[in-house]
Amino acid sequence: MAAETELVVQLDNVGLRYGRGPEILQDVSLSLPVGSFHFLTGASGAGKSSLLRLMYLAHRPSRGRVVMFGRDIARMRRYQLPALRRRIGVVFQEFHLMDHLSTLDNVALPLRVSGASERDVQKFVPDLLQWVGLAQQIDARPPTLSGGQKQRVAIARAVIGRPDLLLADEPTGSVDDAIAVRLMHLFEELNKLGTAIILATHNEALVARFSHPRLHLEDGHLTRT
């Protein structure tokens, strides 16, 4: 885990545009300490996914400075980025599951990439799948799963390695309210272990139910509420 005194994310006057189009993000400044938990809200097209991808290092800013775990991204070489990304768990709206792998093997990917033993894989992955309600689908492959089940596989994969930062893009969008609340409790337990979390959502009832601060994007500008 990151050191307690370290900021997980620091953005200074960041702007982001695609090609020659208008700026999606404008003068975004943000400092997130270890162990913080924020909702990220805003209308469709406000730039929530773009902001998350910026923090996942999938995009470079058009201007401004991005510092992740104390490292200025502009000063890093491309080959250094994968090691930094391994400290980040990501839940994409598109899921990005491997169709030829079972549920267990999809969730185990981050553990195996990090060199975990097969004993640890078999110990921790089934327990997590039980928690997210997928114990009966442990051997199933993604094409046989519903959208909500795929979402839970993607969430389990993102949290299994206890990342320093979790970026979740509408992680409860494909599940019912009861499962959404259960997943929120999973995120909170991970947060208690030191993981900083940014959870993008349109679910205002969920935001109201859990007392975490909100980051709000509107017209490319980020505010705290």
C-alpha atoms as a PDB file:
ATOM      1  CA  MET A   1       0.000   0.000   0.000  1.00  0.00           C
ATOM      2  CA  ALA A   2       1.024   3.613  -0.509  1.00  0.00           C
ATOM      3  CA  ALA A   3       2.676   5.510   2.326  1.00  0.00           C
ATOM      4  CA  GLU A   4       0.292   7.394   4.574  1.00  0.00           C
ATOM      5  CA  THR A   5       1.855  10.764   3.746  1.00  0.00           C
ATOM      6  CA  GLU A   6       1.610  10.228   0.006  1.00  0.00           C
ATOM      7  CA  LEU A   7      -1.075  11.696  -2.207  1.00  0.00           C
ATOM      8  CA  VAL A   8      -2.550   9.042  -4.449  1.00  0.00           C
ATOM      9  CA  VAL A   9      -3.632  11.556  -7.093  1.00  0.00           C
ATOM     10  CA  GLN A  10      -2.673  15.160  -7.717  1.00  0.00           C
ATOM     11  CA  LEU A  11      -3.961  17.086 -10.733  1.00  0.00           C
ATOM     12  CA  ASP A  12      -2.859  20.681 -11.292  1.00  0.00           C
ATOM     13  CA  ASN A  13      -4.808  22.809 -13.813  1.00  0.00           C
ATOM     14  CA  VAL A  14      -5.336  19.843 -16.107  1.00  0.00           C
ATOM     15  CA  GLY A  15      -6.984  20.188 -19.478  1.00  0.00           C
ATOM     16  CA  LEU A  16      -7.932  17.319 -21.810  1.00  0.00           C
ATOM     17  CA  ARG A  17      -9.073  17.389 -25.409  1.00  0.00           C
ATOM     18  CA  TYR A  18      -9.329  14.751 -28.101  1.00  0.00           C
ATOM     19  CA  GLY A  19      -7.618  15.761 -31.317  1.00  0.00           C
ATOM     20  CA  ARG A  20      -8.563  19.306 -32.269  1.00  0.00           C
ATOM     21  CA  GLY A  21     -11.927  19.199 -30.525  1.00  0.00           C
ATOM     22  CA  PRO A  22     -12.975  21.336 -27.546  1.00  0.00           C
ATOM     23  CA  GLU A  23     -11.569  20.632 -24.110  1.00  0.00           C
ATOM     24  CA  ILE A  24     -13.472  17.892 -22.287  1.00  0.00           C
ATOM     25  CA  LEU A  25     -11.783  18.824 -19.000  1.00  0.00           C
ATOM     26  CA  GLN A  26     -10.787  22.393 -18.141  1.00  0.00           C
ATOM     27  CA  ASP A  27      -8.441  23.548 -15.366  1.00  0.00           C
ATOM     28  CA  VAL A  28      -9.123  20.502 -13.204  1.00  0.00           C
ATOM     29  CA  SER A  29      -7.188  20.545  -9.925  1.00  0.00           C
ATOM     30  CA  LEU A  30      -7.539  17.737  -7.410  1.00  0.00           C
ATOM     31  CA  SER A  31      -5.593  16.201  -4.519  1.00  0.00           C
ATOM     32  CA  LEU A  32      -6.655  12.823  -3.163  1.00  0.00           C
ATOM     33  CA  PRO A  33      -4.952  11.351  -0.090  1.00  0.00           C
ATOM     34  CA  VAL A  34      -4.562   7.679   0.729  1.00  0.00           C
ATOM     35  CA  GLY A  35      -7.771   6.179   2.081  1.00  0.00           C
ATOM     36  CA  SER A  36     -10.149   8.798   0.664  1.00  0.00           C
ATOM     37  CA  PHE A  37     -13.519   7.895  -0.869  1.00  0.00           C
ATOM     38  CA  HIS A  38     -15.300  10.182  -3.314  1.00  0.00           C
ATOM     39  CA  PHE A  39     -18.332   9.924  -5.532  1.00  0.00           C
ATOM     40  CA  LEU A  40     -17.891  11.431  -9.000  1.00  0.00           C
ATOM     41  CA  THR A  41     -21.095  12.857 -10.466  1.00  0.00           C
ATOM     42  CA  GLY A  42     -22.153  14.823 -13.502  1.00  0.00           C
ATOM     43  CA  ALA A  43     -24.444  14.586 -16.498  1.00  0.00           C
ATOM     44  CA  SER A  44     -23.754  12.183 -19.356  1.00  0.00           C
ATOM     45  CA  GLY A  45     -20.955  13.646 -21.451  1.00  0.00           C
ATOM     46  CA  ALA A  46     -19.631  15.773 -18.573  1.00  0.00           C
ATOM     47  CA  GLY A  47     -16.249  14.038 -18.743  1.00  0.00           C
ATOM     48  CA  LYS A  48     -16.432  11.534 -15.868  1.00  0.00           C
ATOM     49  CA  SER A  49     -15.047   8.623 -17.882  1.00  0.00           C
ATOM     50  CA  SER A  50     -12.374  10.869 -19.387  1.00  0.00           C
ATOM     51  CA  LEU A  51     -11.245  11.941 -15.923  1.00  0.00           C
ATOM     52  CA  LEU A  52     -11.032   8.338 -14.751  1.00  0.00           C
ATOM     53  CA  ARG A  53      -9.069   7.313 -17.845  1.00  0.00           C
ATOM     54  CA  LEU A  54      -6.693  10.196 -17.236  1.00  0.00           C
ATOM     55  CA  MET A  55      -6.012   8.862 -13.737  1.00  0.00           C
ATOM     56  CA  TYR A  56      -5.622   5.331 -15.106  1.00  0.00           C
ATOM     57  CA  LEU A  57      -2.932   6.720 -17.443  1.00  0.00           C
ATOM     58  CA  ALA A  58      -4.890   5.730 -20.536  1.00  0.00           C
ATOM     59  CA  HIS A  59      -4.691   9.373 -21.696  1.00  0.00           C
ATOM     60  CA  ARG A  60      -2.130  12.134 -21.341  1.00  0.00           C
ATOM     61  CA  PRO A  61      -3.426  15.586 -20.449  1.00  0.00           C
ATOM     62  CA  SER A  62      -3.441  18.288 -23.110  1.00  0.00           C
ATOM     63  CA  ARG A  63      -2.036  20.626 -20.477  1.00  0.00           C
ATOM     64  CA  GLY A  64      -1.397  20.777 -16.756  1.00  0.00           C
ATOM     65  CA  ARG A  65       0.294  18.263 -14.471  1.00  0.00           C
ATOM     66  CA  VAL A  66      -0.727  14.766 -13.407  1.00  0.00           C
ATOM     67  CA  VAL A  67       1.055  13.228 -10.413  1.00  0.00           C
ATOM     68  CA  MET A  68       0.218   9.648  -9.411  1.00  0.00           C
ATOM     69  CA  PHE A  69       1.645   8.161  -6.209  1.00  0.00           C
ATOM     70  CA  GLY A  70       4.155  10.986  -6.084  1.00  0.00           C
ATOM     71  CA  ARG A  71       5.356  10.458  -9.670  1.00  0.00           C
ATOM     72  CA  ASP A  72       4.998  13.191 -12.289  1.00  0.00           C
ATOM     73  CA  ILE A  73       3.604  11.345 -15.304  1.00  0.00           C
ATOM     74  CA  ALA A  74       5.219  13.760 -17.764  1.00  0.00           C
ATOM     75  CA  ARG A  75       8.655  12.739 -16.499  1.00  0.00           C
ATOM     76  CA  MET A  76       8.056   9.007 -16.725  1.00  0.00           C
ATOM     77  CA  ARG A  77       9.008   6.807 -19.664  1.00  0.00           C
ATOM     78  CA  ARG A  78       6.386   4.624 -21.297  1.00  0.00           C
ATOM     79  CA  TYR A  79       7.930   1.383 -20.013  1.00  0.00           C
ATOM     80  CA  GLN A  80       7.532   2.636 -16.422  1.00  0.00           C
ATOM     81  CA  LEU A  81       3.762   3.088 -16.644  1.00  0.00           C
ATOM     82  CA  PRO A  82       2.609  -0.575 -16.390  1.00  0.00           C
ATOM     83  CA  ALA A  83       4.106  -0.909 -12.894  1.00  0.00           C
ATOM     84  CA  LEU A  84       2.176   2.192 -11.844  1.00  0.00           C
ATOM     85  CA  ARG A  85      -1.044   0.890 -13.393  1.00  0.00           C
ATOM     86  CA  ARG A  86      -0.766  -2.296 -11.341  1.00  0.00           C
ATOM     87  CA  ARG A  87      -1.410  -0.174  -8.262  1.00  0.00           C
ATOM     88  CA  ILE A  88      -4.767   0.873  -9.743  1.00  0.00           C
ATOM     89  CA  GLY A  89      -7.952  -1.190  -9.899  1.00  0.00           C
ATOM     90  CA  VAL A  90     -10.399  -0.186 -12.628  1.00  0.00           C
ATOM     91  CA  VAL A  91     -14.053  -1.018 -13.229  1.00  0.00           C
ATOM     92  CA  PHE A  92     -14.935  -0.009 -16.792  1.00  0.00           C
ATOM     93  CA  GLN A  93     -18.468   0.232 -18.122  1.00  0.00           C
ATOM     94  CA  GLU A  94     -17.411  -2.132 -20.929  1.00  0.00           C
ATOM     95  CA  PHE A  95     -16.271  -4.858 -18.446  1.00  0.00           C
ATOM     96  CA  HIS A  96     -13.282  -6.030 -20.593  1.00  0.00           C
ATOM     97  CA  LEU A  97     -13.617  -9.653 -19.479  1.00  0.00           C
ATOM     98  CA  MET A  98     -11.781 -12.511 -21.223  1.00  0.00           C
ATOM     99  CA  ASP A  99     -14.488 -14.605 -22.876  1.00  0.00           C
ATOM    100  CA  HIS A 100     -12.372 -17.785 -22.957  1.00  0.00           C
ATOM    101  CA  LEU A 101     -11.699 -17.699 -19.213  1.00  0.00           C
ATOM    102  CA  SER A 102     -13.958 -18.798 -16.382  1.00  0.00           C
ATOM    103  CA  THR A 103     -15.283 -16.373 -13.783  1.00  0.00           C
ATOM    104  CA  LEU A 104     -12.618 -17.572 -11.346  1.00  0.00           C
ATOM    105  CA  ASP A 105      -9.819 -17.137 -13.878  1.00  0.00           C
ATOM    106  CA  ASN A 106     -11.004 -13.654 -14.910  1.00  0.00           C
ATOM    107  CA  VAL A 107     -10.994 -12.490 -11.296  1.00  0.00           C
ATOM    108  CA  ALA A 108      -7.657 -14.189 -10.602  1.00  0.00           C
ATOM    109  CA  LEU A 109      -5.841 -12.353 -13.414  1.00  0.00           C
ATOM    110  CA  PRO A 110      -4.430  -9.497 -11.267  1.00  0.00           C
ATOM    111  CA  LEU A 111      -3.188 -11.965  -8.646  1.00  0.00           C
ATOM    112  CA  ARG A 112      -1.475 -14.147 -11.216  1.00  0.00           C
ATOM    113  CA  VAL A 113       0.099 -11.162 -12.981  1.00  0.00           C
ATOM    114  CA  SER A 114       1.518 -10.013  -9.636  1.00  0.00           C
ATOM    115  CA  GLY A 115       3.024 -13.456  -9.005  1.00  0.00           C
ATOM    116  CA  ALA A 116       0.605 -14.763  -6.381  1.00  0.00           C
ATOM    117  CA  SER A 117       0.671 -18.490  -5.687  1.00  0.00           C
ATOM    118  CA  GLU A 118      -2.087 -20.737  -6.969  1.00  0.00           C
ATOM    119  CA  ARG A 119      -2.820 -21.562  -3.330  1.00  0.00           C
ATOM    120  CA  ASP A 120      -3.642 -17.892  -2.694  1.00  0.00           C
ATOM    121  CA  VAL A 121      -5.763 -17.739  -5.849  1.00  0.00           C
ATOM    122  CA  GLN A 122      -7.836 -20.719  -4.740  1.00  0.00           C
ATOM    123  CA  LYS A 123      -8.117 -19.297  -1.222  1.00  0.00           C
ATOM    124  CA  PHE A 124      -9.170 -15.705  -1.933  1.00  0.00           C
ATOM    125  CA  VAL A 125     -11.037 -15.715  -5.253  1.00  0.00           C
ATOM    126  CA  PRO A 126     -13.890 -18.104  -4.306  1.00  0.00           C
ATOM    127  CA  ASP A 127     -14.475 -16.158  -1.071  1.00  0.00           C
ATOM    128  CA  LEU A 128     -14.797 -12.899  -2.982  1.00  0.00           C
ATOM    129  CA  LEU A 129     -17.114 -14.462  -5.556  1.00  0.00           C
ATOM    130  CA  GLN A 130     -19.277 -15.718  -2.696  1.00  0.00           C
ATOM    131  CA  TRP A 131     -19.437 -12.141  -1.358  1.00  0.00           C
ATOM    132  CA  VAL A 132     -20.580 -10.671  -4.675  1.00  0.00           C
ATOM    133  CA  GLY A 133     -23.157 -13.423  -5.172  1.00  0.00           C
ATOM    134  CA  LEU A 134     -21.392 -15.377  -7.923  1.00  0.00           C
ATOM    135  CA  ALA A 135     -20.450 -18.604  -6.131  1.00  0.00           C
ATOM    136  CA  GLN A 136     -22.693 -20.580  -8.496  1.00  0.00           C
ATOM    137  CA  GLN A 137     -21.041 -19.019 -11.561  1.00  0.00           C
ATOM    138  CA  ILE A 138     -17.430 -19.700 -10.577  1.00  0.00           C
ATOM    139  CA  ASP A 139     -16.824 -21.921 -13.636  1.00  0.00           C
ATOM    140  CA  ALA A 140     -19.045 -19.979 -16.049  1.00  0.00           C
ATOM    141  CA  ARG A 141     -17.612 -18.005 -18.952  1.00  0.00           C
ATOM    142  CA  PRO A 142     -18.646 -14.392 -19.680  1.00  0.00           C
ATOM    143  CA  PRO A 143     -20.836 -15.141 -22.743  1.00  0.00           C
ATOM    144  CA  THR A 144     -23.178 -17.138 -20.480  1.00  0.00           C
ATOM    145  CA  LEU A 145     -23.506 -14.398 -17.843  1.00  0.00           C
ATOM    146  CA  SER A 146     -26.028 -11.576 -17.600  1.00  0.00           C
ATOM    147  CA  GLY A 147     -24.942  -7.947 -17.720  1.00  0.00           C
ATOM    148  CA  GLY A 148     -25.238  -7.608 -13.949  1.00  0.00           C
ATOM    149  CA  GLN A 149     -23.198 -10.765 -13.387  1.00  0.00           C
ATOM    150  CA  LYS A 150     -20.479  -9.540 -15.735  1.00  0.00           C
ATOM    151  CA  GLN A 151     -20.423  -6.268 -13.808  1.00  0.00           C
ATOM    152  CA  ARG A 152     -19.821  -8.130 -10.564  1.00  0.00           C
ATOM    153  CA  VAL A 153     -17.033 -10.210 -12.131  1.00  0.00           C
ATOM    154  CA  ALA A 154     -15.381  -6.981 -13.290  1.00  0.00           C
ATOM    155  CA  ILE A 155     -15.693  -5.480  -9.797  1.00  0.00           C
ATOM    156  CA  ALA A 156     -14.275  -8.593  -8.142  1.00  0.00           C
ATOM    157  CA  ARG A 157     -11.318  -8.549 -10.549  1.00  0.00           C
ATOM    158  CA  ALA A 158     -10.672  -4.872  -9.791  1.00  0.00           C
ATOM    159  CA  VAL A 159     -10.615  -5.308  -6.001  1.00  0.00           C
ATOM    160  CA  ILE A 160      -9.015  -8.759  -5.571  1.00  0.00           C
ATOM    161  CA  GLY A 161      -5.482  -7.348  -5.426  1.00  0.00           C
ATOM    162  CA  ARG A 162      -6.329  -4.623  -2.870  1.00  0.00           C
ATOM    163  CA  PRO A 163      -5.118  -1.766  -5.117  1.00  0.00           C
ATOM    164  CA  ASP A 164      -3.912   1.579  -3.791  1.00  0.00           C
ATOM    165  CA  LEU A 165      -6.502   3.323  -5.975  1.00  0.00           C
ATOM    166  CA  LEU A 166      -9.832   2.054  -7.298  1.00  0.00           C
ATOM    167  CA  LEU A 167     -11.493   3.878 -10.210  1.00  0.00           C
ATOM    168  CA  ALA A 168     -15.045   2.652 -10.729  1.00  0.00           C
ATOM    169  CA  ASP A 169     -17.139   3.870 -13.670  1.00  0.00           C
ATOM    170  CA  GLU A 170     -20.846   3.266 -12.915  1.00  0.00           C
ATOM    171  CA  PRO A 171     -20.067   0.015 -11.047  1.00  0.00           C
ATOM    172  CA  THR A 172     -23.658  -0.418  -9.856  1.00  0.00           C
ATOM    173  CA  GLY A 173     -25.329   0.532 -13.128  1.00  0.00           C
ATOM    174  CA  SER A 174     -26.246  -3.030 -14.169  1.00  0.00           C
ATOM    175  CA  VAL A 175     -27.385  -4.439 -10.814  1.00  0.00           C
ATOM    176  CA  ASP A 176     -30.479  -4.081  -8.647  1.00  0.00           C
ATOM    177  CA  ASP A 177     -30.604  -1.873  -5.562  1.00  0.00           C
ATOM    178  CA  ALA A 178     -29.885  -4.676  -3.083  1.00  0.00           C
ATOM    179  CA  ILE A 179     -26.762  -5.775  -4.943  1.00  0.00           C
ATOM    180  CA  ALA A 180     -25.715  -2.136  -5.379  1.00  0.00           C
ATOM    181  CA  VAL A 181     -25.772  -1.611  -1.613  1.00  0.00           C
ATOM    182  CA  ARG A 182     -23.861  -4.854  -1.056  1.00  0.00           C
ATOM    183  CA  LEU A 183     -21.204  -3.748  -3.541  1.00  0.00           C
ATOM    184  CA  MET A 184     -20.955  -0.391  -1.815  1.00  0.00           C
ATOM    185  CA  HIS A 185     -20.221  -2.192   1.463  1.00  0.00           C
ATOM    186  CA  LEU A 186     -17.499  -4.156  -0.362  1.00  0.00           C
ATOM    187  CA  PHE A 187     -15.969  -0.886  -1.595  1.00  0.00           C
ATOM    188  CA  GLU A 188     -16.130   0.551   1.915  1.00  0.00           C
ATOM    189  CA  GLU A 189     -14.358  -2.472   3.374  1.00  0.00           C
ATOM    190  CA  LEU A 190     -11.634  -2.084   0.753  1.00  0.00           C
ATOM    191  CA  ASN A 191     -11.446   1.615   1.592  1.00  0.00           C
ATOM    192  CA  LYS A 192     -10.910   0.784   5.281  1.00  0.00           C
ATOM    193  CA  LEU A 193      -7.827  -1.205   4.247  1.00  0.00           C
ATOM    194  CA  GLY A 194      -6.349   1.959   2.743  1.00  0.00           C
ATOM    195  CA  THR A 195      -7.541   1.994  -0.873  1.00  0.00           C
ATOM    196  CA  ALA A 196      -8.545   5.402  -2.218  1.00  0.00           C
ATOM    197  CA  ILE A 197     -11.757   5.167  -4.234  1.00  0.00           C
ATOM    198  CA  ILE A 198     -13.385   7.317  -6.891  1.00  0.00           C
ATOM    199  CA  LEU A 199     -16.794   5.996  -7.866  1.00  0.00           C
ATOM    200  CA  ALA A 200     -18.562   7.590 -10.823  1.00  0.00           C
ATOM    201  CA  THR A 201     -22.335   7.236 -10.654  1.00  0.00           C
ATOM    202  CA  HIS A 202     -25.674   8.653 -11.792  1.00  0.00           C
ATOM    203  CA  ASN A 203     -27.423   6.997  -8.840  1.00  0.00           C
ATOM    204  CA  GLU A 204     -28.403   9.930  -6.611  1.00  0.00           C
ATOM    205  CA  ALA A 205     -30.118   7.614  -4.123  1.00  0.00           C
ATOM    206  CA  LEU A 206     -26.839   5.768  -3.642  1.00  0.00           C
ATOM    207  CA  VAL A 207     -24.930   9.031  -3.178  1.00  0.00           C
ATOM    208  CA  ALA A 208     -27.486  10.184  -0.601  1.00  0.00           C
ATOM    209  CA  ARG A 209     -27.359   6.892   1.311  1.00  0.00           C
ATOM    210  CA  PHE A 210     -23.586   6.859   1.819  1.00  0.00           C
ATOM    211  CA  SER A 211     -21.870   9.852   3.404  1.00  0.00           C
ATOM    212  CA  HIS A 212     -18.867  10.228   1.136  1.00  0.00           C
ATOM    213  CA  PRO A 213     -17.867  13.597  -0.364  1.00  0.00           C
ATOM    214  CA  ARG A 214     -18.798  14.338  -3.943  1.00  0.00           C
ATOM    215  CA  LEU A 215     -16.716  15.530  -6.866  1.00  0.00           C
ATOM    216  CA  HIS A 216     -18.984  17.054  -9.511  1.00  0.00           C
ATOM    217  CA  LEU A 217     -18.158  17.670 -13.168  1.00  0.00           C
ATOM    218  CA  GLU A 218     -20.070  20.277 -15.138  1.00  0.00           C
ATOM    219  CA  ASP A 219     -19.000  21.930 -18.410  1.00  0.00           C
ATOM    220  CA  GLY A 220     -15.534  20.460 -17.977  1.00  0.00           C
ATOM    221  CA  HIS A 221     -14.985  21.986 -14.530  1.00  0.00           C
ATOM    222  CA  LEU A 222     -14.607  19.957 -11.333  1.00  0.00           C
ATOM    223  CA  THR A 223     -16.049  21.104  -8.006  1.00  0.00           C
ATOM    224  CA  ARG A 224     -16.274  19.531  -4.544  1.00  0.00           C
ATOM    225  CA  THR A 225     -19.604  19.368  -2.733  1.00  0.00           C
END
